């Protein structure tokens, strides 16, 4: 993969419009969309495309923050997302719908606060979908100000928020603000500024770095054993093998703890499933303290600046 490729992980509830957003941004039907909120993406999907001269690795995820998904459904897709985005995403794009702030939306915000660390939120941008629900003449910042909880989340993301409407804002309208073309341009300006502020680095932690090393080693092994394979095939096989190994390592670890470890939230794995869980997680992340004491396996998030292409696997 080109070392300049930007890794964007898209997170949000089922029905928030994650797949439709990707199709809007790429200008083609790359991701399958669904007619009902109860359907939605069930598997993590990664696609690399060029957008306005930028190479983008877009990682569409299932509803990690849904309240009705089982642990067994969630865990493989969390592991798949981790494997696809190593050594870490440049951007977390968090999708929320423009809608009345109810108890259900409050639960989603609470989950975001629970799983994300302050460090990870430095790499996050909030994107609201269903923008046609905004009253005429209202900016998304004004909508955010109507909810203290929502406002606090956006503040933690550096005040970065935008709005889009995958259905109604496709055509040119008198109000430029209410067009996808304008909003997508503004979104990528924000992303460019955020990446610049982070000195071109990506969000990472010990877990992501360990997975990256595993993939690199698998690639070396694949080159030696399969000389006729293309670089893309070698990387795909490496990620497939590492995914299987990570699933074995995380056997018994609850999906909530795994998601917290990925996003850096303050979730102690020991409280999720006892010392056995902490031991497995400690081995997987490669943290001696985690193995010995079952301490918070999510600590140590750092920014990694781009290096030669071996980082982008």
C-alpha atoms as a PDB file:
ATOM      1  CA  UNK A   1       0.000   0.000   0.000  1.00  0.00           C
ATOM      2  CA  UNK A   2       1.159   3.546  -0.799  1.00  0.00           C
ATOM      3  CA  UNK A   3       2.638   5.087   2.339  1.00  0.00           C
ATOM      4  CA  UNK A   4       0.585   8.251   1.726  1.00  0.00           C
ATOM      5  CA  UNK A   5      -2.702   6.316   1.884  1.00  0.00           C
ATOM      6  CA  UNK A   6      -4.986   7.624   4.601  1.00  0.00           C
ATOM      7  CA  UNK A   7      -6.677   5.003   6.727  1.00  0.00           C
ATOM      8  CA  UNK A   8     -10.198   6.049   7.715  1.00  0.00           C
ATOM      9  CA  UNK A   9     -12.241   3.883  10.091  1.00  0.00           C
ATOM     10  CA  UNK A  10     -15.969   4.662   9.970  1.00  0.00           C
ATOM     11  CA  UNK A  11     -17.917   4.015  13.179  1.00  0.00           C
ATOM     12  CA  UNK A  12     -21.577   4.398  14.013  1.00  0.00           C
ATOM     13  CA  UNK A  13     -24.856   2.694  14.794  1.00  0.00           C
ATOM     14  CA  UNK A  14     -26.600   0.469  12.272  1.00  0.00           C
ATOM     15  CA  UNK A  15     -28.798   2.710  10.141  1.00  0.00           C
ATOM     16  CA  UNK A  16     -26.587   5.788  10.497  1.00  0.00           C
ATOM     17  CA  UNK A  17     -25.736   5.607   6.794  1.00  0.00           C
ATOM     18  CA  UNK A  18     -22.120   4.420   6.875  1.00  0.00           C
ATOM     19  CA  UNK A  19     -22.272   2.454   3.610  1.00  0.00           C
ATOM     20  CA  UNK A  20     -24.281   5.144   1.821  1.00  0.00           C
ATOM     21  CA  UNK A  21     -21.721   7.718   2.937  1.00  0.00           C
ATOM     22  CA  UNK A  22     -18.898   5.725   1.355  1.00  0.00           C
ATOM     23  CA  UNK A  23     -20.804   5.505  -1.913  1.00  0.00           C
ATOM     24  CA  UNK A  24     -21.477   9.254  -1.808  1.00  0.00           C
ATOM     25  CA  UNK A  25     -17.818  10.068  -1.219  1.00  0.00           C
ATOM     26  CA  UNK A  26     -16.483   7.609  -3.806  1.00  0.00           C
ATOM     27  CA  UNK A  27     -19.149   8.522  -6.343  1.00  0.00           C
ATOM     28  CA  UNK A  28     -19.996   4.881  -7.028  1.00  0.00           C
ATOM     29  CA  UNK A  29     -21.758   1.937  -5.375  1.00  0.00           C
ATOM     30  CA  UNK A  30     -18.729   0.399  -3.667  1.00  0.00           C
ATOM     31  CA  UNK A  31     -20.578  -0.699  -0.523  1.00  0.00           C
ATOM     32  CA  UNK A  32     -23.899  -2.488  -0.361  1.00  0.00           C
ATOM     33  CA  UNK A  33     -26.686  -0.465   1.225  1.00  0.00           C
ATOM     34  CA  UNK A  34     -29.835  -1.658   2.949  1.00  0.00           C
ATOM     35  CA  UNK A  35     -33.429  -0.448   3.022  1.00  0.00           C
ATOM     36  CA  UNK A  36     -34.032  -0.848   6.764  1.00  0.00           C
ATOM     37  CA  UNK A  37     -32.145   0.196   9.876  1.00  0.00           C
ATOM     38  CA  UNK A  38     -32.278  -3.375  11.185  1.00  0.00           C
ATOM     39  CA  UNK A  39     -30.296  -4.727   8.239  1.00  0.00           C
ATOM     40  CA  UNK A  40     -27.107  -2.791   7.715  1.00  0.00           C
ATOM     41  CA  UNK A  41     -23.499  -3.829   7.357  1.00  0.00           C
ATOM     42  CA  UNK A  42     -22.747  -7.049   9.227  1.00  0.00           C
ATOM     43  CA  UNK A  43     -19.091  -7.430   8.231  1.00  0.00           C
ATOM     44  CA  UNK A  44     -16.102  -5.131   8.231  1.00  0.00           C
ATOM     45  CA  UNK A  45     -15.222  -4.107   4.658  1.00  0.00           C
ATOM     46  CA  UNK A  46     -12.122  -2.257   3.458  1.00  0.00           C
ATOM     47  CA  UNK A  47     -11.694  -0.553   0.088  1.00  0.00           C
ATOM     48  CA  UNK A  48      -8.902   1.617  -1.269  1.00  0.00           C
ATOM     49  CA  UNK A  49      -9.957   4.395  -3.633  1.00  0.00           C
ATOM     50  CA  UNK A  50      -8.782   7.797  -4.825  1.00  0.00           C
ATOM     51  CA  UNK A  51     -10.804  10.822  -3.677  1.00  0.00           C
ATOM     52  CA  UNK A  52      -9.851  14.299  -4.913  1.00  0.00           C
ATOM     53  CA  UNK A  53      -6.304  13.131  -5.540  1.00  0.00           C
ATOM     54  CA  UNK A  54      -6.022  11.428  -2.144  1.00  0.00           C
ATOM     55  CA  UNK A  55      -5.508   7.689  -1.709  1.00  0.00           C
ATOM     56  CA  UNK A  56      -8.049   6.510   0.893  1.00  0.00           C
ATOM     57  CA  UNK A  57      -8.307   3.175   2.677  1.00  0.00           C
ATOM     58  CA  UNK A  58     -11.942   3.284   3.800  1.00  0.00           C
ATOM     59  CA  UNK A  59     -12.888   0.756   6.476  1.00  0.00           C
ATOM     60  CA  UNK A  60     -16.647   0.358   6.867  1.00  0.00           C
ATOM     61  CA  UNK A  61     -17.623  -1.320  10.129  1.00  0.00           C
ATOM     62  CA  UNK A  62     -20.770  -2.980  11.488  1.00  0.00           C
ATOM     63  CA  UNK A  63     -22.667  -1.205  14.256  1.00  0.00           C
ATOM     64  CA  UNK A  64     -20.040  -1.546  16.990  1.00  0.00           C
ATOM     65  CA  UNK A  65     -22.127   0.671  19.267  1.00  0.00           C
ATOM     66  CA  UNK A  66     -25.454  -1.086  18.711  1.00  0.00           C
ATOM     67  CA  UNK A  67     -27.132  -2.245  21.900  1.00  0.00           C
ATOM     68  CA  UNK A  68     -28.746  -5.363  20.413  1.00  0.00           C
ATOM     69  CA  UNK A  69     -25.756  -7.134  18.840  1.00  0.00           C
ATOM     70  CA  UNK A  70     -24.327 -10.230  20.491  1.00  0.00           C
ATOM     71  CA  UNK A  71     -20.771 -10.631  21.702  1.00  0.00           C
ATOM     72  CA  UNK A  72     -20.151 -13.422  19.188  1.00  0.00           C
ATOM     73  CA  UNK A  73     -21.327 -11.262  16.286  1.00  0.00           C
ATOM     74  CA  UNK A  74     -19.154  -8.333  17.273  1.00  0.00           C
ATOM     75  CA  UNK A  75     -15.778  -9.833  18.121  1.00  0.00           C
ATOM     76  CA  UNK A  76     -14.738 -11.179  14.680  1.00  0.00           C
ATOM     77  CA  UNK A  77     -15.528  -7.837  13.059  1.00  0.00           C
ATOM     78  CA  UNK A  78     -13.615  -5.865  15.692  1.00  0.00           C
ATOM     79  CA  UNK A  79     -10.596  -8.109  15.114  1.00  0.00           C
ATOM     80  CA  UNK A  80     -11.033  -7.725  11.346  1.00  0.00           C
ATOM     81  CA  UNK A  81     -11.132  -3.942  11.676  1.00  0.00           C
ATOM     82  CA  UNK A  82      -7.975  -3.955  13.811  1.00  0.00           C
ATOM     83  CA  UNK A  83      -6.211  -6.154  11.249  1.00  0.00           C
ATOM     84  CA  UNK A  84      -7.246  -3.970   8.301  1.00  0.00           C
ATOM     85  CA  UNK A  85      -6.271  -0.616   9.813  1.00  0.00           C
ATOM     86  CA  UNK A  86      -2.840  -1.443  11.270  1.00  0.00           C
ATOM     87  CA  UNK A  87      -0.632   0.239  12.319  1.00  0.00           C
ATOM     88  CA  UNK A  88      -3.598   2.462  13.100  1.00  0.00           C
ATOM     89  CA  UNK A  89      -6.113   4.837  11.538  1.00  0.00           C
ATOM     90  CA  UNK A  90      -5.347   8.414  10.581  1.00  0.00           C
ATOM     91  CA  UNK A  91      -9.022   9.207  11.089  1.00  0.00           C
ATOM     92  CA  UNK A  92     -11.920   7.864  13.139  1.00  0.00           C
ATOM     93  CA  UNK A  93     -15.051   9.104  11.388  1.00  0.00           C
ATOM     94  CA  UNK A  94     -17.919   8.856  13.876  1.00  0.00           C
ATOM     95  CA  UNK A  95     -21.376   8.946  12.279  1.00  0.00           C
ATOM     96  CA  UNK A  96     -24.408  10.207  14.133  1.00  0.00           C
ATOM     97  CA  UNK A  97     -27.847  11.002  12.733  1.00  0.00           C
ATOM     98  CA  UNK A  98     -29.421  14.441  12.811  1.00  0.00           C
ATOM     99  CA  UNK A  99     -32.392  13.620  14.977  1.00  0.00           C
ATOM    100  CA  UNK A 100     -34.058  14.462  18.232  1.00  0.00           C
ATOM    101  CA  UNK A 101     -31.725  13.585  21.078  1.00  0.00           C
ATOM    102  CA  UNK A 102     -33.456  10.741  22.916  1.00  0.00           C
ATOM    103  CA  UNK A 103     -32.399   8.256  25.573  1.00  0.00           C
ATOM    104  CA  UNK A 104     -31.255   5.881  22.827  1.00  0.00           C
ATOM    105  CA  UNK A 105     -28.922   8.495  21.339  1.00  0.00           C
ATOM    106  CA  UNK A 106     -27.689   9.294  24.831  1.00  0.00           C
ATOM    107  CA  UNK A 107     -26.679   5.637  25.244  1.00  0.00           C
ATOM    108  CA  UNK A 108     -24.615   5.825  22.058  1.00  0.00           C
ATOM    109  CA  UNK A 109     -22.835   8.966  23.271  1.00  0.00           C
ATOM    110  CA  UNK A 110     -22.111   7.256  26.594  1.00  0.00           C
ATOM    111  CA  UNK A 111     -20.627   4.281  24.752  1.00  0.00           C
ATOM    112  CA  UNK A 112     -18.403   6.583  22.709  1.00  0.00           C
ATOM    113  CA  UNK A 113     -17.135   8.223  25.892  1.00  0.00           C
ATOM    114  CA  UNK A 114     -16.627   4.791  27.463  1.00  0.00           C
ATOM    115  CA  UNK A 115     -14.616   3.246  24.644  1.00  0.00           C
ATOM    116  CA  UNK A 116     -12.606   6.181  23.284  1.00  0.00           C
ATOM    117  CA  UNK A 117      -9.570   7.584  25.033  1.00  0.00           C
ATOM    118  CA  UNK A 118      -8.761  11.289  24.901  1.00  0.00           C
ATOM    119  CA  UNK A 119      -5.812  10.372  22.683  1.00  0.00           C
ATOM    120  CA  UNK A 120      -7.984   8.542  20.153  1.00  0.00           C
ATOM    121  CA  UNK A 121     -10.407  11.462  19.964  1.00  0.00           C
ATOM    122  CA  UNK A 122      -7.557  13.640  18.684  1.00  0.00           C
ATOM    123  CA  UNK A 123      -7.955  11.610  15.489  1.00  0.00           C
ATOM    124  CA  UNK A 124     -11.756  11.719  15.401  1.00  0.00           C
ATOM    125  CA  UNK A 125     -14.268  13.783  13.459  1.00  0.00           C
ATOM    126  CA  UNK A 126     -18.042  13.707  13.938  1.00  0.00           C
ATOM    127  CA  UNK A 127     -20.119  13.484  10.763  1.00  0.00           C
ATOM    128  CA  UNK A 128     -23.877  13.836  10.991  1.00  0.00           C
ATOM    129  CA  UNK A 129     -26.053  12.099   8.422  1.00  0.00           C
ATOM    130  CA  UNK A 130     -29.678  12.733   7.455  1.00  0.00           C
ATOM    131  CA  UNK A 131     -28.827  16.410   7.144  1.00  0.00           C
ATOM    132  CA  UNK A 132     -32.185  17.181   5.571  1.00  0.00           C
ATOM    133  CA  UNK A 133     -33.574  16.938   9.104  1.00  0.00           C
ATOM    134  CA  UNK A 134     -31.752  20.178   9.918  1.00  0.00           C
ATOM    135  CA  UNK A 135     -34.171  23.120   9.918  1.00  0.00           C
ATOM    136  CA  UNK A 136     -33.658  25.495   6.988  1.00  0.00           C
ATOM    137  CA  UNK A 137     -30.842  27.942   7.643  1.00  0.00           C
ATOM    138  CA  UNK A 138     -29.469  25.962  10.604  1.00  0.00           C
ATOM    139  CA  UNK A 139     -25.794  25.007  10.713  1.00  0.00           C
ATOM    140  CA  UNK A 140     -24.709  21.714  12.239  1.00  0.00           C
ATOM    141  CA  UNK A 141     -22.819  23.565  14.994  1.00  0.00           C
ATOM    142  CA  UNK A 142     -26.104  25.138  16.090  1.00  0.00           C
ATOM    143  CA  UNK A 143     -27.734  21.710  16.230  1.00  0.00           C
ATOM    144  CA  UNK A 144     -24.869  20.381  18.362  1.00  0.00           C
ATOM    145  CA  UNK A 145     -25.242  23.251  20.841  1.00  0.00           C
ATOM    146  CA  UNK A 146     -28.766  22.086  21.644  1.00  0.00           C
ATOM    147  CA  UNK A 147     -27.371  19.088  23.573  1.00  0.00           C
ATOM    148  CA  UNK A 148     -24.791  19.396  26.336  1.00  0.00           C
ATOM    149  CA  UNK A 149     -23.680  15.766  25.936  1.00  0.00           C
ATOM    150  CA  UNK A 150     -23.342  16.072  22.178  1.00  0.00           C
ATOM    151  CA  UNK A 151     -21.540  19.380  22.514  1.00  0.00           C
ATOM    152  CA  UNK A 152     -19.030  17.869  24.952  1.00  0.00           C
ATOM    153  CA  UNK A 153     -18.295  15.004  22.543  1.00  0.00           C
ATOM    154  CA  UNK A 154     -17.678  17.380  19.647  1.00  0.00           C
ATOM    155  CA  UNK A 155     -15.427  19.524  21.852  1.00  0.00           C
ATOM    156  CA  UNK A 156     -13.360  16.432  22.713  1.00  0.00           C
ATOM    157  CA  UNK A 157     -12.977  15.893  18.963  1.00  0.00           C
ATOM    158  CA  UNK A 158     -11.463  19.350  18.595  1.00  0.00           C
ATOM    159  CA  UNK A 159     -14.769  20.897  17.552  1.00  0.00           C
ATOM    160  CA  UNK A 160     -14.684  18.938  14.283  1.00  0.00           C
ATOM    161  CA  UNK A 161     -18.151  18.204  12.935  1.00  0.00           C
ATOM    162  CA  UNK A 162     -19.848  18.180   9.536  1.00  0.00           C
ATOM    163  CA  UNK A 163     -23.168  17.126   8.052  1.00  0.00           C
ATOM    164  CA  UNK A 164     -24.274  15.269   4.932  1.00  0.00           C
ATOM    165  CA  UNK A 165     -27.440  13.835   3.434  1.00  0.00           C
ATOM    166  CA  UNK A 166     -26.908  10.795   1.223  1.00  0.00           C
ATOM    167  CA  UNK A 167     -30.421  10.955  -0.238  1.00  0.00           C
ATOM    168  CA  UNK A 168     -31.606  14.551  -0.540  1.00  0.00           C
ATOM    169  CA  UNK A 169     -28.447  16.595  -1.031  1.00  0.00           C
ATOM    170  CA  UNK A 170     -27.218  14.899  -4.215  1.00  0.00           C
ATOM    171  CA  UNK A 171     -28.447  17.604  -6.580  1.00  0.00           C
ATOM    172  CA  UNK A 172     -27.432  21.234  -6.770  1.00  0.00           C
ATOM    173  CA  UNK A 173     -29.497  23.378  -4.425  1.00  0.00           C
ATOM    174  CA  UNK A 174     -29.784  27.098  -3.889  1.00  0.00           C
ATOM    175  CA  UNK A 175     -28.213  26.745  -0.448  1.00  0.00           C
ATOM    176  CA  UNK A 176     -24.625  25.582  -1.061  1.00  0.00           C
ATOM    177  CA  UNK A 177     -24.349  24.442   2.563  1.00  0.00           C
ATOM    178  CA  UNK A 178     -27.032  21.813   1.907  1.00  0.00           C
ATOM    179  CA  UNK A 179     -25.130  20.019  -0.870  1.00  0.00           C
ATOM    180  CA  UNK A 180     -22.981  16.908  -0.542  1.00  0.00           C
ATOM    181  CA  UNK A 181     -20.341  18.337  -2.866  1.00  0.00           C
ATOM    182  CA  UNK A 182     -19.731  21.257  -0.523  1.00  0.00           C
ATOM    183  CA  UNK A 183     -19.890  19.166   2.643  1.00  0.00           C
ATOM    184  CA  UNK A 184     -17.508  16.468   1.343  1.00  0.00           C
ATOM    185  CA  UNK A 185     -14.996  19.163   0.385  1.00  0.00           C
ATOM    186  CA  UNK A 186     -15.281  20.709   3.843  1.00  0.00           C
ATOM    187  CA  UNK A 187     -14.940  17.284   5.492  1.00  0.00           C
ATOM    188  CA  UNK A 188     -11.689  16.541   3.702  1.00  0.00           C
ATOM    189  CA  UNK A 189     -10.346  20.009   4.480  1.00  0.00           C
ATOM    190  CA  UNK A 190     -10.959  19.219   8.149  1.00  0.00           C
ATOM    191  CA  UNK A 191      -9.317  15.806   7.790  1.00  0.00           C
ATOM    192  CA  UNK A 192      -6.285  17.393   6.086  1.00  0.00           C
ATOM    193  CA  UNK A 193      -5.935  19.925   8.913  1.00  0.00           C
ATOM    194  CA  UNK A 194      -6.284  17.204  11.562  1.00  0.00           C
ATOM    195  CA  UNK A 195      -3.631  15.018   9.945  1.00  0.00           C
ATOM    196  CA  UNK A 196      -1.348  18.035   9.647  1.00  0.00           C
ATOM    197  CA  UNK A 197      -1.910  18.882  13.320  1.00  0.00           C
ATOM    198  CA  UNK A 198      -1.014  15.275  14.178  1.00  0.00           C
ATOM    199  CA  UNK A 199       2.173  15.670  12.087  1.00  0.00           C
ATOM    200  CA  UNK A 200       0.985  13.092   9.582  1.00  0.00           C
ATOM    201  CA  UNK A 201       0.907  10.375  12.206  1.00  0.00           C
ATOM    202  CA  UNK A 202      -1.777   7.810  12.904  1.00  0.00           C
ATOM    203  CA  UNK A 203      -3.441   6.751  16.125  1.00  0.00           C
ATOM    204  CA  UNK A 204      -1.835   3.588  17.424  1.00  0.00           C
ATOM    205  CA  UNK A 205      -1.237   1.597  20.589  1.00  0.00           C
ATOM    206  CA  UNK A 206       0.538  -1.563  21.675  1.00  0.00           C
ATOM    207  CA  UNK A 207      -2.170  -3.837  20.294  1.00  0.00           C
ATOM    208  CA  UNK A 208      -2.078  -2.265  16.835  1.00  0.00           C
ATOM    209  CA  UNK A 209       1.714  -2.297  16.762  1.00  0.00           C
ATOM    210  CA  UNK A 210       1.793  -5.983  17.710  1.00  0.00           C
ATOM    211  CA  UNK A 211      -0.661  -6.839  14.937  1.00  0.00           C
ATOM    212  CA  UNK A 212       1.399  -4.820  12.468  1.00  0.00           C
ATOM    213  CA  UNK A 213       4.521  -6.799  13.378  1.00  0.00           C
ATOM    214  CA  UNK A 214       2.627 -10.076  12.957  1.00  0.00           C
ATOM    215  CA  UNK A 215       1.447  -9.045   9.493  1.00  0.00           C
ATOM    216  CA  UNK A 216       4.939  -8.005   8.438  1.00  0.00           C
ATOM    217  CA  UNK A 217       6.334 -11.364   9.566  1.00  0.00           C
ATOM    218  CA  UNK A 218       3.594 -13.218   7.707  1.00  0.00           C
ATOM    219  CA  UNK A 219       4.432 -11.233   4.570  1.00  0.00           C
ATOM    220  CA  UNK A 220       8.069 -12.288   4.848  1.00  0.00           C
ATOM    221  CA  UNK A 221       7.005 -15.912   5.203  1.00  0.00           C
ATOM    222  CA  UNK A 222       4.620 -15.650   2.245  1.00  0.00           C
ATOM    223  CA  UNK A 223       7.271 -14.159  -0.029  1.00  0.00           C
ATOM    224  CA  UNK A 224       9.600 -17.027   0.759  1.00  0.00           C
ATOM    225  CA  UNK A 225       7.006 -19.746   0.235  1.00  0.00           C
ATOM    226  CA  UNK A 226       4.982 -18.210  -2.622  1.00  0.00           C
ATOM    227  CA  UNK A 227       7.301 -16.454  -5.032  1.00  0.00           C
ATOM    228  CA  UNK A 228       4.650 -16.174  -7.754  1.00  0.00           C
ATOM    229  CA  UNK A 229       2.172 -14.203  -5.660  1.00  0.00           C
ATOM    230  CA  UNK A 230       1.621 -10.488  -6.253  1.00  0.00           C
ATOM    231  CA  UNK A 231       2.316  -8.005  -3.419  1.00  0.00           C
ATOM    232  CA  UNK A 232      -1.437  -7.542  -2.971  1.00  0.00           C
ATOM    233  CA  UNK A 233      -1.996 -11.298  -2.692  1.00  0.00           C
ATOM    234  CA  UNK A 234       0.858 -11.609  -0.201  1.00  0.00           C
ATOM    235  CA  UNK A 235      -0.616  -8.893   2.006  1.00  0.00           C
ATOM    236  CA  UNK A 236      -4.116 -10.339   1.755  1.00  0.00           C
ATOM    237  CA  UNK A 237      -2.881 -13.788   2.793  1.00  0.00           C
ATOM    238  CA  UNK A 238      -0.851 -12.276   5.643  1.00  0.00           C
ATOM    239  CA  UNK A 239      -3.869 -10.410   7.013  1.00  0.00           C
ATOM    240  CA  UNK A 240      -6.044 -13.510   6.688  1.00  0.00           C
ATOM    241  CA  UNK A 241      -3.542 -15.590   8.678  1.00  0.00           C
ATOM    242  CA  UNK A 242      -3.074 -12.917  11.335  1.00  0.00           C
ATOM    243  CA  UNK A 243      -6.844 -12.507  11.693  1.00  0.00           C
ATOM    244  CA  UNK A 244      -7.165 -16.220  12.454  1.00  0.00           C
ATOM    245  CA  UNK A 245      -4.342 -16.050  15.006  1.00  0.00           C
ATOM    246  CA  UNK A 246      -5.829 -12.991  16.707  1.00  0.00           C
ATOM    247  CA  UNK A 247      -9.209 -14.699  16.997  1.00  0.00           C
ATOM    248  CA  UNK A 248      -7.515 -17.574  18.789  1.00  0.00           C
ATOM    249  CA  UNK A 249      -5.590 -15.215  21.084  1.00  0.00           C
ATOM    250  CA  UNK A 250      -8.726 -13.313  22.048  1.00  0.00           C
ATOM    251  CA  UNK A 251     -10.830 -16.381  22.773  1.00  0.00           C
ATOM    252  CA  UNK A 252     -12.737 -15.605  25.959  1.00  0.00           C
ATOM    253  CA  UNK A 253     -12.215 -11.843  25.748  1.00  0.00           C
ATOM    254  CA  UNK A 254     -15.510  -9.991  25.584  1.00  0.00           C
ATOM    255  CA  UNK A 255     -16.076  -7.739  22.598  1.00  0.00           C
ATOM    256  CA  UNK A 256     -16.535  -4.671  24.795  1.00  0.00           C
ATOM    257  CA  UNK A 257     -13.091  -5.125  26.327  1.00  0.00           C
ATOM    258  CA  UNK A 258     -11.587  -5.726  22.901  1.00  0.00           C
ATOM    259  CA  UNK A 259     -13.176  -2.593  21.470  1.00  0.00           C
ATOM    260  CA  UNK A 260     -11.967  -0.616  24.472  1.00  0.00           C
ATOM    261  CA  UNK A 261      -8.436  -1.911  23.954  1.00  0.00           C
ATOM    262  CA  UNK A 262      -8.581  -0.898  20.280  1.00  0.00           C
ATOM    263  CA  UNK A 263      -9.939   2.599  20.922  1.00  0.00           C
ATOM    264  CA  UNK A 264      -7.911   3.181  24.056  1.00  0.00           C
ATOM    265  CA  UNK A 265     -10.814   3.606  26.466  1.00  0.00           C
ATOM    266  CA  UNK A 266     -10.248   3.068  30.176  1.00  0.00           C
ATOM    267  CA  UNK A 267     -11.684  -0.440  30.333  1.00  0.00           C
ATOM    268  CA  UNK A 268      -9.870  -2.902  32.505  1.00  0.00           C
ATOM    269  CA  UNK A 269      -9.994  -6.307  30.882  1.00  0.00           C
ATOM    270  CA  UNK A 270      -9.825  -8.030  34.262  1.00  0.00           C
ATOM    271  CA  UNK A 271     -13.196  -6.528  35.204  1.00  0.00           C
ATOM    272  CA  UNK A 272     -14.636  -7.886  31.966  1.00  0.00           C
ATOM    273  CA  UNK A 273     -13.779 -11.494  32.537  1.00  0.00           C
ATOM    274  CA  UNK A 274     -11.326 -12.221  35.310  1.00  0.00           C
ATOM    275  CA  UNK A 275      -7.597 -12.956  35.275  1.00  0.00           C
ATOM    276  CA  UNK A 276      -7.860 -15.498  32.437  1.00  0.00           C
ATOM    277  CA  UNK A 277      -9.173 -12.804  30.108  1.00  0.00           C
ATOM    278  CA  UNK A 278      -6.441 -10.420  31.215  1.00  0.00           C
ATOM    279  CA  UNK A 279      -3.841 -13.098  30.563  1.00  0.00           C
ATOM    280  CA  UNK A 280      -5.081 -13.743  27.021  1.00  0.00           C
ATOM    281  CA  UNK A 281      -5.276 -10.030  26.289  1.00  0.00           C
ATOM    282  CA  UNK A 282      -1.835  -9.451  27.757  1.00  0.00           C
ATOM    283  CA  UNK A 283      -0.340 -12.133  25.524  1.00  0.00           C
ATOM    284  CA  UNK A 284      -2.100 -10.735  22.453  1.00  0.00           C
ATOM    285  CA  UNK A 285      -0.993  -7.182  23.084  1.00  0.00           C
ATOM    286  CA  UNK A 286       2.459  -8.209  24.211  1.00  0.00           C
ATOM    287  CA  UNK A 287       2.292  -6.303  27.485  1.00  0.00           C
ATOM    288  CA  UNK A 288       4.132  -8.029  30.303  1.00  0.00           C
ATOM    289  CA  UNK A 289       2.246  -6.056  32.916  1.00  0.00           C
ATOM    290  CA  UNK A 290      -1.037  -7.165  31.384  1.00  0.00           C
ATOM    291  CA  UNK A 291       0.006 -10.798  31.638  1.00  0.00           C
ATOM    292  CA  UNK A 292       1.248 -10.489  35.184  1.00  0.00           C
ATOM    293  CA  UNK A 293      -1.438  -8.350  36.761  1.00  0.00           C
ATOM    294  CA  UNK A 294      -4.312  -7.984  34.334  1.00  0.00           C
ATOM    295  CA  UNK A 295      -3.936  -4.206  34.351  1.00  0.00           C
ATOM    296  CA  UNK A 296      -5.482  -1.877  31.806  1.00  0.00           C
ATOM    297  CA  UNK A 297      -4.384  -3.264  28.459  1.00  0.00           C
ATOM    298  CA  UNK A 298      -5.508  -0.171  26.600  1.00  0.00           C
ATOM    299  CA  UNK A 299      -2.816   2.209  27.774  1.00  0.00           C
ATOM    300  CA  UNK A 300       0.129   3.465  25.809  1.00  0.00           C
ATOM    301  CA  UNK A 301      -1.628   5.076  22.852  1.00  0.00           C
ATOM    302  CA  UNK A 302       0.794   7.092  20.795  1.00  0.00           C
ATOM    303  CA  UNK A 303       1.004   8.795  17.446  1.00  0.00           C
ATOM    304  CA  UNK A 304       3.205   7.168  14.836  1.00  0.00           C
ATOM    305  CA  UNK A 305       4.506   9.367  12.058  1.00  0.00           C
ATOM    306  CA  UNK A 306       4.665   7.915   8.545  1.00  0.00           C
ATOM    307  CA  UNK A 307       7.748   5.880   7.804  1.00  0.00           C
ATOM    308  CA  UNK A 308       8.616   3.769   4.764  1.00  0.00           C
ATOM    309  CA  UNK A 309       5.873   1.640   3.287  1.00  0.00           C
ATOM    310  CA  UNK A 310       6.491  -1.272   5.665  1.00  0.00           C
ATOM    311  CA  UNK A 311       4.226   0.590   8.092  1.00  0.00           C
ATOM    312  CA  UNK A 312       1.308   0.537   5.699  1.00  0.00           C
ATOM    313  CA  UNK A 313       0.404  -3.124   5.447  1.00  0.00           C
END
